[in-house]
């Protein structure tokens, strides 16, 4: 438990978990659509679980994550 002087860990209210594999054609538009949503109180996080994509999906995810 954090003390009064330590900042509290902030956790998002909602987690969106997206498994994907070889989705280079759709992953960017899908994520942009999610990110355009009005966040709930407490915010949200997006977790993308890439299943060894071989079509460039991972590089798209890395680029978007860095932005």
Protein backbone atom coordinates (compact mmCIF):
# COMPACT_ATOMS: atom_id res chain seq x y z
CA UNK A 1 0.00 0.00 0.00
CA UNK A 2 1.49 3.39 -0.96
CA UNK A 3 2.17 5.86 1.79
CA UNK A 4 0.83 9.41 1.75
CA UNK A 5 4.06 10.68 0.16
CA UNK A 6 4.15 8.11 -2.65
CA UNK A 7 2.04 8.60 -5.77
CA UNK A 8 -0.71 6.06 -6.29
CA UNK A 9 -0.56 3.79 -9.31
CA UNK A 10 -3.11 4.87 -11.88
CA UNK A 11 -4.88 2.03 -13.65
CA UNK A 12 -7.25 2.40 -16.58
CA UNK A 13 -10.92 1.68 -15.94
CA UNK A 14 -11.23 -0.39 -19.14
CA UNK A 15 -8.82 -2.73 -20.90
CA UNK A 16 -9.38 -3.63 -24.54
CA UNK A 17 -7.50 -6.80 -25.48
CA UNK A 18 -7.14 -7.55 -29.20
CA UNK A 19 -5.57 -10.76 -30.40
CA UNK A 20 -4.38 -10.52 -34.01
CA UNK A 21 -2.38 -12.36 -36.63
CA UNK A 22 -1.54 -11.14 -40.11
CA UNK A 23 -3.84 -8.10 -39.96
CA UNK A 24 -1.62 -5.55 -41.74
CA UNK A 25 -4.50 -4.54 -43.99
CA UNK A 26 -6.86 -3.66 -41.13
CA UNK A 27 -4.99 -3.19 -37.86
CA UNK A 28 -4.24 0.52 -38.20
CA UNK A 29 -7.82 1.51 -39.07
CA UNK A 30 -9.13 -0.70 -36.28
CA UNK A 31 -6.86 0.85 -33.67
CA UNK A 32 -7.54 4.39 -34.88
CA UNK A 33 -11.26 3.71 -34.58
CA UNK A 34 -10.81 2.53 -30.99
CA UNK A 35 -8.63 5.51 -30.11
CA UNK A 36 -11.26 7.95 -31.46
CA UNK A 37 -13.80 6.76 -28.91
CA UNK A 38 -14.63 8.96 -25.96
CA UNK A 39 -12.82 7.36 -23.04
CA UNK A 40 -14.81 6.26 -19.98
CA UNK A 41 -14.12 7.81 -16.60
CA UNK A 42 -10.73 6.46 -15.60
CA UNK A 43 -9.59 6.03 -19.20
CA UNK A 44 -8.78 2.88 -21.14
CA UNK A 45 -5.83 0.93 -22.43
CA UNK A 46 -5.46 -1.12 -25.59
CA UNK A 47 -3.44 -4.32 -25.45
CA UNK A 48 -2.71 -5.98 -28.79
CA UNK A 49 -1.48 -9.58 -28.66
CA UNK A 50 0.25 -10.33 -31.96
CA UNK A 51 0.30 -14.04 -32.81
CA UNK A 52 3.53 -14.13 -34.84
CA UNK A 53 2.29 -12.08 -37.77
CA UNK A 54 4.33 -12.44 -40.94
CA UNK A 55 2.78 -9.66 -43.02
CA UNK A 56 4.10 -6.48 -41.41
CA UNK A 57 1.46 -6.23 -38.69
CA UNK A 58 4.09 -6.00 -35.99
CA UNK A 59 5.90 -3.08 -37.63
CA UNK A 60 2.59 -1.20 -37.89
CA UNK A 61 1.92 -1.86 -34.21
CA UNK A 62 5.42 -0.71 -33.24
CA UNK A 63 5.04 2.49 -35.27
CA UNK A 64 1.65 3.25 -33.75
CA UNK A 65 2.88 2.49 -30.25
CA UNK A 66 5.79 4.89 -30.64
CA UNK A 67 3.40 7.65 -31.77
